[in-house]
PDB file of N, CA and C in Angstrom:
ATOM      1  N   MET A   1       0.929  -1.289   0.165  1.00  0.00           N
ATOM      2  CA  MET A   1      -0.249  -0.103   0.329  1.00  0.00           C
ATOM      3  C   MET A   1       1.272   1.593  -0.006  1.00  0.00           C
ATOM      4  N   GLU A   2       0.640   2.532  -0.859  1.00  0.00           N
ATOM      5  CA  GLU A   2       1.681   3.461  -0.702  1.00  0.00           C
ATOM      6  C   GLU A   2       0.398   4.414  -0.375  1.00  0.00           C
ATOM      7  N   PHE A   3       1.345   5.371   0.486  1.00  0.00           N
ATOM      8  CA  PHE A   3       1.154   6.154   1.660  1.00  0.00           C
ATOM      9  C   PHE A   3       1.575   7.746   1.628  1.00  0.00           C
ATOM     10  N   ASN A   4       0.940   8.466   1.659  1.00  0.00           N
ATOM     11  CA  ASN A   4       1.481  10.158   1.003  1.00  0.00           C
ATOM     12  C   ASN A   4       2.578  10.058   2.449  1.00  0.00           C
ATOM     13  N   VAL A   5       3.873  10.968   1.595  1.00  0.00           N
ATOM     14  CA  VAL A   5       4.700  11.024   1.897  1.00  0.00           C
ATOM     15  C   VAL A   5       4.747  12.172   3.048  1.00  0.00           C
ATOM     16  N   LYS A   6       3.655  13.166   3.110  1.00  0.00           N
ATOM     17  CA  LYS A   6       4.148  14.093   3.537  1.00  0.00           C
ATOM     18  C   LYS A   6       3.140  13.928   5.208  1.00  0.00           C
ATOM     19  N   ASP A   7       1.585  12.689   5.159  1.00  0.00           N
ATOM     20  CA  ASP A   7       1.599  12.417   6.382  1.00  0.00           C
ATOM     21  C   ASP A   7       2.909  11.214   7.429  1.00  0.00           C
ATOM     22  N   LYS A   8       3.780  10.527   6.205  1.00  0.00           N
ATOM     23  CA  LYS A   8       4.511  10.261   6.998  1.00  0.00           C
ATOM     24  C   LYS A   8       5.843  10.977   7.399  1.00  0.00           C
ATOM     25  N   VAL A   9       6.385  11.640   6.922  1.00  0.00           N
ATOM     26  CA  VAL A   9       7.105  12.452   7.383  1.00  0.00           C
ATOM     27  C   VAL A   9       6.299  13.089   8.638  1.00  0.00           C
ATOM     28  N   GLU A  10       5.901  14.066   8.711  1.00  0.00           N
ATOM     29  CA  GLU A  10       5.012  14.272   9.524  1.00  0.00           C
ATOM     30  C   GLU A  10       4.704  13.752  10.934  1.00  0.00           C
ATOM     31  N   TYR A  11       4.456  12.590  11.219  1.00  0.00           N
ATOM     32  CA  TYR A  11       4.174  10.694  11.673  1.00  0.00           C
ATOM     33  C   TYR A  11       5.262  11.124  12.431  1.00  0.00           C
ATOM     34  N   ILE A  12       6.129  10.766  11.652  1.00  0.00           N
ATOM     35  CA  ILE A  12       7.746  10.286  11.902  1.00  0.00           C
ATOM     36  C   ILE A  12       8.496  11.306  13.291  1.00  0.00           C
ATOM     37  N   ILE A  13       8.580  12.565  12.597  1.00  0.00           N
ATOM     38  CA  ILE A  13       8.779  14.262  13.460  1.00  0.00           C
ATOM     39  C   ILE A  13       7.989  13.883  14.590  1.00  0.00           C
ATOM     40  N   VAL A  14       6.764  13.216  15.013  1.00  0.00           N
ATOM     41  CA  VAL A  14       6.748  13.541  15.992  1.00  0.00           C
ATOM     42  C   VAL A  14       6.533  12.738  16.599  1.00  0.00           C
ATOM     43  N   LEU A  15       6.906  11.123  16.083  1.00  0.00           N
ATOM     44  CA  LEU A  15       7.483  10.503  16.643  1.00  0.00           C
ATOM     45  C   LEU A  15       8.434  10.546  17.774  1.00  0.00           C
ATOM     46  N   VAL A  16       9.215  11.125  16.725  1.00  0.00           N
ATOM     47  CA  VAL A  16      10.971  11.648  16.909  1.00  0.00           C
ATOM     48  C   VAL A  16      10.680  12.617  18.379  1.00  0.00           C
ATOM     49  N   ASN A  17       9.396  13.307  18.020  1.00  0.00           N
ATOM     50  CA  ASN A  17       9.262  14.359  19.604  1.00  0.00           C
ATOM     51  C   ASN A  17       9.095  13.498  20.584  1.00  0.00           C
ATOM     52  N   GLU A  18       7.691  12.574  20.098  1.00  0.00           N
ATOM     53  CA  GLU A  18       7.718  12.276  21.888  1.00  0.00           C
ATOM     54  C   GLU A  18       9.098  10.680  22.598  1.00  0.00           C
ATOM     55  N   PHE A  19       9.333  10.452  21.102  1.00  0.00           N
ATOM     56  CA  PHE A  19      10.746   9.217  22.090  1.00  0.00           C
ATOM     57  C   PHE A  19      11.521  10.199  22.671  1.00  0.00           C
ATOM     58  N   ALA A  20      11.617  11.369  22.401  1.00  0.00           N
ATOM     59  CA  ALA A  20      13.114  12.960  23.214  1.00  0.00           C
ATOM     60  C   ALA A  20      12.072  13.065  24.330  1.00  0.00           C
ATOM     61  N   ARG A  21      10.957  13.080  24.472  1.00  0.00           N
ATOM     62  CA  ARG A  21      10.032  13.315  25.216  1.00  0.00           C
ATOM     63  C   ARG A  21       9.912  12.236  26.306  1.00  0.00           C
ATOM     64  N   ALA A  22       9.784  10.486  26.288  1.00  0.00           N
ATOM     65  CA  ALA A  22       9.696  10.122  26.765  1.00  0.00           C
ATOM     66  C   ALA A  22      10.865   9.308  28.071  1.00  0.00           C
ATOM     67  N   HIS A  23      12.230   9.748  26.764  1.00  0.00           N
ATOM     68  CA  HIS A  23      13.197   9.364  27.312  1.00  0.00           C
ATOM     69  C   HIS A  23      13.967  10.431  27.687  1.00  0.00           C
ATOM     70  N   LYS A  24      13.642  11.439  28.427  1.00  0.00           N
ATOM     71  CA  LYS A  24      14.114  13.265  28.389  1.00  0.00           C
ATOM     72  C   LYS A  24      15.536  12.975  27.599  1.00  0.00           C
ATOM     73  N   LEU A  25      15.433  13.397  26.730  1.00  0.00           N
ATOM     74  CA  LEU A  25      16.658  13.972  25.910  1.00  0.00           C
ATOM     75  C   LEU A  25      15.351  14.785  24.595  1.00  0.00           C
ATOM     76  N   SER A  26      16.871  15.317  24.019  1.00  0.00           N
ATOM     77  CA  SER A  26      16.367  17.358  23.343  1.00  0.00           C
ATOM     78  C   SER A  26      15.987  16.389  22.039  1.00  0.00           C
ATOM     79  N   ASP A  27      14.962  16.899  20.959  1.00  0.00           N
ATOM     80  CA  ASP A  27      14.382  15.834  19.954  1.00  0.00           C
ATOM     81  C   ASP A  27      15.625  16.438  19.432  1.00  0.00           C
ATOM     82  N   SER A  28      17.043  16.984  18.783  1.00  0.00           N
ATOM     83  CA  SER A  28      18.348  16.498  18.021  1.00  0.00           C
ATOM     84  C   SER A  28      18.640  15.016  18.374  1.00  0.00           C
ATOM     85  N   GLN A  29      18.822  15.263  20.013  1.00  0.00           N
ATOM     86  CA  GLN A  29      19.646  13.733  20.690  1.00  0.00           C
ATOM     87  C   GLN A  29      19.103  12.905  20.391  1.00  0.00           C
ATOM     88  N   ALA A  30      17.133  12.696  20.510  1.00  0.00           N
ATOM     89  CA  ALA A  30      15.984  11.404  19.855  1.00  0.00           C
ATOM     90  C   ALA A  30      16.652  11.405  18.262  1.00  0.00           C
ATOM     91  N   TYR A  31      16.103  12.146  17.640  1.00  0.00           N
ATOM     92  CA  TYR A  31      16.699  12.099  16.478  1.00  0.00           C
ATOM     93  C   TYR A  31      18.213  11.018  15.762  1.00  0.00           C
ATOM     94  N   ARG A  32      19.209  11.634  16.463  1.00  0.00           N
ATOM     95  CA  ARG A  32      20.561  10.646  16.260  1.00  0.00           C
ATOM     96  C   ARG A  32      20.772   9.702  16.582  1.00  0.00           C
ATOM     97  N   TYR A  33      19.943   9.385  17.834  1.00  0.00           N
ATOM     98  CA  TYR A  33      19.840   7.917  18.805  1.00  0.00           C
ATOM     99  C   TYR A  33      19.247   7.238  17.662  1.00  0.00           C
ATOM    100  N   LEU A  34      17.879   7.353  16.746  1.00  0.00           N
ATOM    101  CA  LEU A  34      17.185   6.511  16.270  1.00  0.00           C
ATOM    102  C   LEU A  34      17.929   6.320  15.212  1.00  0.00           C
ATOM    103  N   GLU A  35      18.156   7.637  14.160  1.00  0.00           N
ATOM    104  CA  GLU A  35      19.129   7.526  13.152  1.00  0.00           C
ATOM    105  C   GLU A  35      20.243   6.721  13.288  1.00  0.00           C
ATOM    106  N   ARG A  36      20.788   6.072  13.864  1.00  0.00           N
ATOM    107  CA  ARG A  36      21.882   5.816  15.251  1.00  0.00           C
ATOM    108  C   ARG A  36      21.327   4.712  14.585  1.00  0.00           C
ATOM    109  N   PHE A  37      20.270   3.544  15.336  1.00  0.00           N
ATOM    110  CA  PHE A  37      19.778   3.061  15.734  1.00  0.00           C
ATOM    111  C   PHE A  37      18.750   1.938  14.830  1.00  0.00           C
ATOM    112  N   LYS A  38      19.063   2.918  13.971  1.00  0.00           N
ATOM    113  CA  LYS A  38      18.160   2.100  12.208  1.00  0.00           C
ATOM    114  C   LYS A  38      16.711   2.258  12.703  1.00  0.00           C
ATOM    115  N   GLY A  39      15.789   3.470  13.891  1.00  0.00           N
ATOM    116  CA  GLY A  39      14.716   3.092  14.375  1.00  0.00           C
ATOM    117  C   GLY A  39      13.975   4.046  13.261  1.00  0.00           C
ATOM    118  N   ILE A  40      14.764   4.758  12.351  1.00  0.00           N
ATOM    119  CA  ILE A  40      14.244   6.036  11.477  1.00  0.00           C
ATOM    120  C   ILE A  40      13.744   4.467  10.529  1.00  0.00           C
ATOM    121  N   ASP A  41      14.594   4.260  10.304  1.00  0.00           N
ATOM    122  CA  ASP A  41      14.317   2.795   8.817  1.00  0.00           C
ATOM    123  C   ASP A  41      13.223   2.597   9.319  1.00  0.00           C
ATOM    124  N   PHE A  42      13.426   1.816  10.658  1.00  0.00           N
ATOM    125  CA  PHE A  42      12.394   0.807  11.145  1.00  0.00           C
ATOM    126  C   PHE A  42      10.584   1.723  10.857  1.00  0.00           C
ATOM    127  N   ILE A  43      10.912   2.615  11.681  1.00  0.00           N
ATOM    128  CA  ILE A  43       9.137   3.545  11.051  1.00  0.00           C
ATOM    129  C   ILE A  43       8.930   2.966   9.896  1.00  0.00           C
ATOM    130  N   ASP A  44       9.917   4.078   9.052  1.00  0.00           N
ATOM    131  CA  ASP A  44       9.394   4.242   7.569  1.00  0.00           C
ATOM    132  C   ASP A  44       9.114   2.635   6.900  1.00  0.00           C
ATOM    133  N   LYS A  45       9.431   1.254   7.221  1.00  0.00           N
ATOM    134  CA  LYS A  45       9.462   0.480   7.380  1.00  0.00           C
ATOM    135  C   LYS A  45       7.791   0.043   7.104  1.00  0.00           C
ATOM    136  N   ASN A  46       7.840   0.045   8.084  1.00  0.00           N
ATOM    137  CA  ASN A  46       6.588  -0.183   9.070  1.00  0.00           C
ATOM    138  C   ASN A  46       5.181   0.720   9.595  1.00  0.00           C
ATOM    139  N   TYR A  47       5.530   2.082   9.182  1.00  0.00           N
ATOM    140  CA  TYR A  47       3.874   3.422   8.990  1.00  0.00           C
ATOM    141  C   TYR A  47       3.208   2.266   9.019  1.00  0.00           C
ATOM    142  N   GLY A  48       2.826   1.200   7.708  1.00  0.00           N
ATOM    143  CA  GLY A  48       1.507   0.998   8.145  1.00  0.00           C
ATOM    144  C   GLY A  48       1.184   0.614   9.235  1.00  0.00           C
ATOM    145  N   ILE A  49       1.388   0.148  10.083  1.00  0.00           N
ATOM    146  CA  ILE A  49       1.028  -0.402  10.978  1.00  0.00           C
ATOM    147  C   ILE A  49       1.104  -0.021  12.204  1.00  0.00           C
ATOM    148  N   ALA A  50       2.566   0.711  12.147  1.00  0.00           N
ATOM    149  CA  ALA A  50       3.141   2.238  13.050  1.00  0.00           C
ATOM    150  C   ALA A  50       2.055   2.982  13.425  1.00  0.00           C
ATOM    151  N   HIS A  51       1.310   3.512  12.770  1.00  0.00           N
ATOM    152  CA  HIS A  51       0.477   4.810  13.191  1.00  0.00           C
ATOM    153  C   HIS A  51      -0.747   4.543  13.339  1.00  0.00           C
ATOM    154  N   THR A  52      -1.028   3.477  12.691  1.00  0.00           N
ATOM    155  CA  THR A  52      -2.678   2.299  13.444  1.00  0.00           C
ATOM    156  C   THR A  52      -2.543   2.306  15.071  1.00  0.00           C
ATOM    157  N   GLN A  53      -1.197   2.693  15.992  1.00  0.00           N
ATOM    158  CA  GLN A  53      -1.106   2.041  17.580  1.00  0.00           C
ATOM    159  C   GLN A  53      -0.947   4.667  18.122  1.00  0.00           C
ATOM    160  N   SER A  54      -1.490   3.218  19.199  1.00  0.00           N
ATOM    161  CA  SER A  54      -0.938   4.723  20.100  1.00  0.00           C
ATOM    162  C   SER A  54       1.430   4.655  19.588  1.00  0.00           C
ATOM    163  N   PHE A  55       0.750   6.391  20.469  1.00  0.00           N
ATOM    164  CA  PHE A  55       2.722   7.159  20.333  1.00  0.00           C
ATOM    165  C   PHE A  55       3.077   6.387  21.422  1.00  0.00           C
ATOM    166  N   ASN A  56       2.430   6.236  22.527  1.00  0.00           N
ATOM    167  CA  ASN A  56       3.344   5.069  24.066  1.00  0.00           C
ATOM    168  C   ASN A  56       3.911   3.433  23.367  1.00  0.00           C
ATOM    169  N   ASP A  57       2.824   2.875  22.538  1.00  0.00           N
ATOM    170  CA  ASP A  57       2.996   1.722  22.476  1.00  0.00           C
ATOM    171  C   ASP A  57       4.348   1.840  21.485  1.00  0.00           C
ATOM    172  N   VAL A  58       3.955   2.325  20.403  1.00  0.00           N
ATOM    173  CA  VAL A  58       6.219   2.696  18.975  1.00  0.00           C
ATOM    174  C   VAL A  58       6.483   3.008  20.096  1.00  0.00           C
ATOM    175  N   VAL A  59       6.835   3.945  20.857  1.00  0.00           N
ATOM    176  CA  VAL A  59       7.886   4.907  21.626  1.00  0.00           C
ATOM    177  C   VAL A  59       8.482   3.340  22.227  1.00  0.00           C
ATOM    178  N   LYS A  60       7.511   2.445  22.651  1.00  0.00           N
ATOM    179  CA  LYS A  60       7.705   1.537  23.378  1.00  0.00           C
ATOM    180  C   LYS A  60       8.929   0.089  22.827  1.00  0.00           C
ATOM    181  N   ASP A  61       8.010  -0.177  21.735  1.00  0.00           N
ATOM    182  CA  ASP A  61       8.546  -0.682  20.505  1.00  0.00           C
ATOM    183  C   ASP A  61       9.859  -0.442  19.750  1.00  0.00           C
ATOM    184  N   ILE A  62       9.805   0.987  19.274  1.00  0.00           N
ATOM    185  CA  ILE A  62      11.060   1.842  18.870  1.00  0.00           C
ATOM    186  C   ILE A  62      11.981   1.121  20.295  1.00  0.00           C
ATOM    187  N   THR A  63      11.687   1.899  21.020  1.00  0.00           N
ATOM    188  CA  THR A  63      13.339   1.846  21.521  1.00  0.00           C
ATOM    189  C   THR A  63      13.300  -0.131  22.640  1.00  0.00           C
ATOM    190  N   GLU A  64      12.547  -0.260  22.628  1.00  0.00           N
ATOM    191  CA  GLU A  64      12.963  -2.121  22.006  1.00  0.00           C
ATOM    192  C   GLU A  64      14.308  -2.250  20.856  1.00  0.00           C
ATOM    193  N   PHE A  65      13.617  -1.781  19.614  1.00  0.00           N
ATOM    194  CA  PHE A  65      14.103  -2.073  18.681  1.00  0.00           C
ATOM    195  C   PHE A  65      15.595  -1.482  18.088  1.00  0.00           C
ATOM    196  N   CYS A  66      15.632  -0.806  19.409  1.00  0.00           N
ATOM    197  CA  CYS A  66      16.926  -0.004  18.988  1.00  0.00           C
ATOM    198  C   CYS A  66      18.050  -0.450  20.122  1.00  0.00           C
ATOM    199  N   ARG A  67      16.868  -0.635  21.075  1.00  0.00           N
ATOM    200  CA  ARG A  67      18.132  -1.724  21.888  1.00  0.00           C
ATOM    201  C   ARG A  67      18.426  -2.663  21.131  1.00  0.00           C
ATOM    202  N   ARG A  68      17.970  -3.940  20.568  1.00  0.00           N
ATOM    203  CA  ARG A  68      18.413  -5.158  20.243  1.00  0.00           C
ATOM    204  C   ARG A  68      19.873  -4.051  18.417  1.00  0.00           C
ATOM    205  N   GLN A  69      18.957  -3.338  18.716  1.00  0.00           N
ATOM    206  CA  GLN A  69      20.399  -2.713  17.876  1.00  0.00           C
ATOM    207  C   GLN A  69      21.599  -2.611  18.552  1.00  0.00           C
ATOM    208  N   GLY A  70      21.383  -2.230  19.144  1.00  0.00           N
ATOM    209  CA  GLY A  70      23.337  -1.806  20.242  1.00  0.00           C
ATOM    210  C   GLY A  70      23.000  -0.635  21.426  1.00  0.00           C
ATOM    211  N   GLY A  71      21.429  -0.265  20.749  1.00  0.00           N
ATOM    212  CA  GLY A  71      20.988   0.698  21.703  1.00  0.00           C
ATOM    213  C   GLY A  71      21.542   0.751  23.262  1.00  0.00           C
ATOM    214  N   ALA A  72      21.529   1.715  23.789  1.00  0.00           N
ATOM    215  CA  ALA A  72      21.342   2.086  25.176  1.00  0.00           C
ATOM    216  C   ALA A  72      20.732   2.150  26.262  1.00  0.00           C
ATOM    217  N   ILE A  73      19.306   2.900  25.578  1.00  0.00           N
ATOM    218  CA  ILE A  73      18.146   3.497  26.500  1.00  0.00           C
ATOM    219  C   ILE A  73      17.386   1.722  26.495  1.00  0.00           C
ATOM    220  N   ALA A  74      16.737   2.320  27.400  1.00  0.00           N
ATOM    221  CA  ALA A  74      16.760   1.211  27.929  1.00  0.00           C
ATOM    222  C   ALA A  74      14.444   1.513  28.597  1.00  0.00           C
TER     223      ALA A  74
END
């Protein structure tokens, strides 16, 4: 299924902000962490499912995914 690029980008921006808030990081720190540990790619590839869930659930999922990729945030 093809998704609107604008909607996808807006969702990723909000998710980075929510991730930052949940882990007490700045938005730029959160973005760099998610980029380094492939969290942005994960959300991009799984947007179809992720955008139907709550931000809290997605933040938990992305935190666990990044941790499995070598990230230290738990």
